[in-house]
Amino acid sequence: MKHTRELLNYITGIKGDCIFTSGGTEANNTAILSSLRRKAHYITSAVEHPSVYNTFRYLETLGAEVDYVKPRNFCIHAEDVAAAMRENTALVSIMHVNNETGAYNDINAIGNAVKAKSQDTLFHSDGVQALFKTKIGLEAAWITIH
């Protein structure tokens, strides 16, 4: 495992920990649930994969406040995400490529908008559908969870 982690760090250029999971659903759940904070606010989209959408619904049952950004022309726009942010936003989670419509969200613009509003807000993107279809952009400085 150590060699695999070192190889991933070398390939991606990212210095940090890599957690291996059994698949996308477990990875999404791990990323979202690990961001749970008291009295925190969360943002996702109304058209996320069920592994993300249902996890945010679960957070609501625990008392978390969640805003669901609606797509315009099938896509989530950075300015809509930024407008939904609050001082206590702990996590923004927006998928890269929609698993049903194939729409591409500009996660670089969204990630930059999130970090422009708050350096403390984590950004997660479900990138499973984007794998081998797009350049994911792992060199971006704002990536906290992908």
Protein backbone atom coordinates (compact mmCIF):
# COMPACT_ATOMS: atom_id res chain seq x y z
CA MET A 1 0.00 0.00 0.00
CA LYS A 2 2.81 2.40 0.80
CA HIS A 3 4.25 2.00 -2.70
CA THR A 4 0.81 2.53 -4.26
CA ARG A 5 0.28 5.74 -2.27
CA GLU A 6 3.73 7.01 -3.27
CA LEU A 7 2.99 6.20 -6.93
CA LEU A 8 -0.33 8.09 -6.78
CA ASN A 9 1.39 11.08 -5.17
CA TYR A 10 3.99 11.02 -7.95
CA ILE A 11 1.44 10.68 -10.77
CA THR A 12 -0.96 13.35 -9.48
CA GLY A 13 1.60 15.68 -7.95
CA ILE A 14 -0.57 15.89 -4.84
CA LYS A 15 1.14 15.60 -1.50
CA GLY A 16 -1.11 14.13 1.13
CA ASP A 17 -3.06 11.12 2.18
CA CYS A 18 -4.93 8.81 -0.16
CA ILE A 19 -7.76 6.69 1.20
CA PHE A 20 -8.75 3.60 -0.76
CA THR A 21 -12.40 2.56 -0.80
CA SER A 22 -14.41 -0.18 -2.46
CA GLY A 23 -16.05 2.24 -4.88
CA GLY A 24 -17.70 5.59 -5.54
CA THR A 25 -20.56 5.27 -3.05
CA GLU A 26 -18.26 4.48 -0.14
CA ALA A 27 -15.85 7.24 -1.20
CA ASN A 28 -18.68 9.81 -1.40
CA ASN A 29 -20.08 8.76 1.97
CA THR A 30 -16.64 8.92 3.58
CA ALA A 31 -15.94 12.40 2.18
CA ILE A 32 -19.32 13.85 3.13
CA LEU A 33 -19.72 12.27 6.55
CA SER A 34 -16.17 13.18 7.56
CA SER A 35 -17.09 16.86 7.09
CA LEU A 36 -19.94 16.73 9.62
CA ARG A 37 -19.80 19.71 12.00
CA ARG A 38 -22.22 21.08 14.60
CA LYS A 39 -24.38 23.95 13.38
CA ALA A 40 -22.82 23.74 9.94
CA HIS A 41 -24.32 24.46 6.54
CA TYR A 42 -23.84 22.28 3.46
CA ILE A 43 -24.37 22.78 -0.26
CA THR A 44 -24.95 20.18 -2.94
CA SER A 45 -27.04 20.07 -6.09
CA ALA A 46 -30.58 18.87 -6.63
CA VAL A 47 -29.34 16.43 -9.29
CA GLU A 48 -26.54 14.56 -7.53
CA HIS A 49 -26.01 10.82 -7.69
CA PRO A 50 -28.09 9.08 -4.97
CA SER A 51 -24.92 8.22 -3.03
CA VAL A 52 -24.40 11.95 -2.51
CA TYR A 53 -27.99 13.22 -2.47
CA ASN A 54 -29.21 10.66 0.07
CA THR A 55 -26.23 11.29 2.34
CA PHE A 56 -27.12 14.99 2.51
CA ARG A 57 -30.74 14.05 3.25
CA TYR A 58 -29.38 11.95 6.10
CA LEU A 59 -27.38 14.94 7.39
CA GLU A 60 -30.65 16.88 7.50
CA THR A 61 -32.11 14.25 9.86
CA LEU A 62 -29.16 15.01 12.16
CA GLY A 63 -30.05 18.69 12.18
CA ALA A 64 -27.73 19.96 9.44
CA GLU A 65 -28.86 22.73 7.10
CA VAL A 66 -28.47 21.79 3.43
CA ASP A 67 -29.10 23.90 0.34
CA TYR A 68 -29.74 22.09 -2.93
CA VAL A 69 -28.63 24.21 -5.89
CA LYS A 70 -30.80 23.72 -8.96
CA PRO A 71 -29.25 23.33 -12.41
CA ARG A 72 -29.66 25.86 -15.20
CA ASN A 73 -29.43 24.37 -18.69
CA PHE A 74 -28.59 21.03 -17.05
CA CYS A 75 -25.48 22.41 -15.29
CA ILE A 76 -24.63 23.77 -11.87
CA HIS A 77 -23.11 27.25 -12.12
CA ALA A 78 -20.35 28.60 -9.90
CA GLU A 79 -22.20 31.85 -9.19
CA ASP A 80 -25.24 29.93 -7.93
CA VAL A 81 -23.07 27.89 -5.58
CA ALA A 82 -21.27 31.03 -4.34
CA ALA A 83 -24.61 32.77 -3.74
CA ALA A 84 -25.76 29.87 -1.53
CA MET A 85 -22.65 29.95 0.67
CA ARG A 86 -22.83 31.17 4.25
CA GLU A 87 -20.27 31.95 6.92
CA ASN A 88 -20.80 28.47 8.40
CA THR A 89 -20.70 26.46 5.14
CA ALA A 90 -18.58 23.40 5.93
CA LEU A 91 -18.77 21.53 2.61
CA VAL A 92 -19.83 22.03 -0.99
CA SER A 93 -20.33 18.85 -3.01
CA ILE A 94 -21.00 19.07 -6.76
CA MET A 95 -20.54 16.19 -9.21
CA HIS A 96 -18.23 16.65 -12.17
CA VAL A 97 -20.30 14.78 -14.77
CA ASN A 98 -23.96 13.91 -14.25
CA ASN A 99 -24.54 10.16 -14.38
CA GLU A 100 -28.00 10.52 -16.00
CA THR A 101 -27.76 13.52 -18.35
CA GLY A 102 -24.04 13.49 -19.12
CA ALA A 103 -23.89 17.23 -18.35
CA TYR A 104 -20.44 18.48 -17.38
CA ASN A 105 -20.17 20.86 -14.42
CA ASP A 106 -17.23 23.25 -14.43
CA ILE A 107 -15.77 22.07 -11.13
CA ASN A 108 -12.68 24.24 -11.58
CA ALA A 109 -14.89 27.36 -11.65
CA ILE A 110 -17.04 26.03 -8.80
CA GLY A 111 -14.02 25.12 -6.68
CA ASN A 112 -12.45 28.52 -7.30
CA ALA A 113 -15.71 30.28 -6.38
CA VAL A 114 -15.96 28.27 -3.15
CA LYS A 115 -12.39 29.10 -2.15
CA ALA A 116 -12.84 32.77 -3.10
CA LYS A 117 -15.73 32.97 -0.61
CA SER A 118 -14.10 30.89 2.13
CA GLN A 119 -10.74 29.16 2.43
CA ASP A 120 -12.22 27.06 5.26
CA THR A 121 -15.03 25.47 3.22
CA LEU A 122 -14.21 22.02 1.89
CA PHE A 123 -15.03 21.17 -1.72
CA HIS A 124 -15.94 17.64 -2.80
CA SER A 125 -16.69 16.46 -6.30
CA ASP A 126 -17.97 13.03 -7.24
CA GLY A 127 -15.66 12.39 -10.17
CA VAL A 128 -16.63 8.79 -10.96
CA GLN A 129 -18.44 9.61 -14.22
CA ALA A 130 -15.62 11.93 -15.30
CA LEU A 131 -12.94 9.26 -15.07
CA PHE A 132 -11.33 8.76 -18.49
CA LYS A 133 -13.82 11.24 -20.05
CA THR A 134 -12.34 14.55 -18.89
CA LYS A 135 -9.21 16.02 -17.44
CA ILE A 136 -10.13 16.08 -13.77
CA GLY A 137 -7.64 18.81 -12.95
CA LEU A 138 -5.89 17.37 -9.92
CA GLU A 139 -3.35 20.19 -10.12
CA ALA A 140 -5.91 22.71 -8.84
CA ALA A 141 -4.85 24.30 -5.57
CA TRP A 142 -8.36 24.23 -4.08
CA ILE A 143 -8.95 20.48 -4.15
CA THR A 144 -9.67 19.19 -0.68
CA ILE A 145 -11.62 16.03 -1.44
CA HIS A 146 -12.18 14.32 -4.81
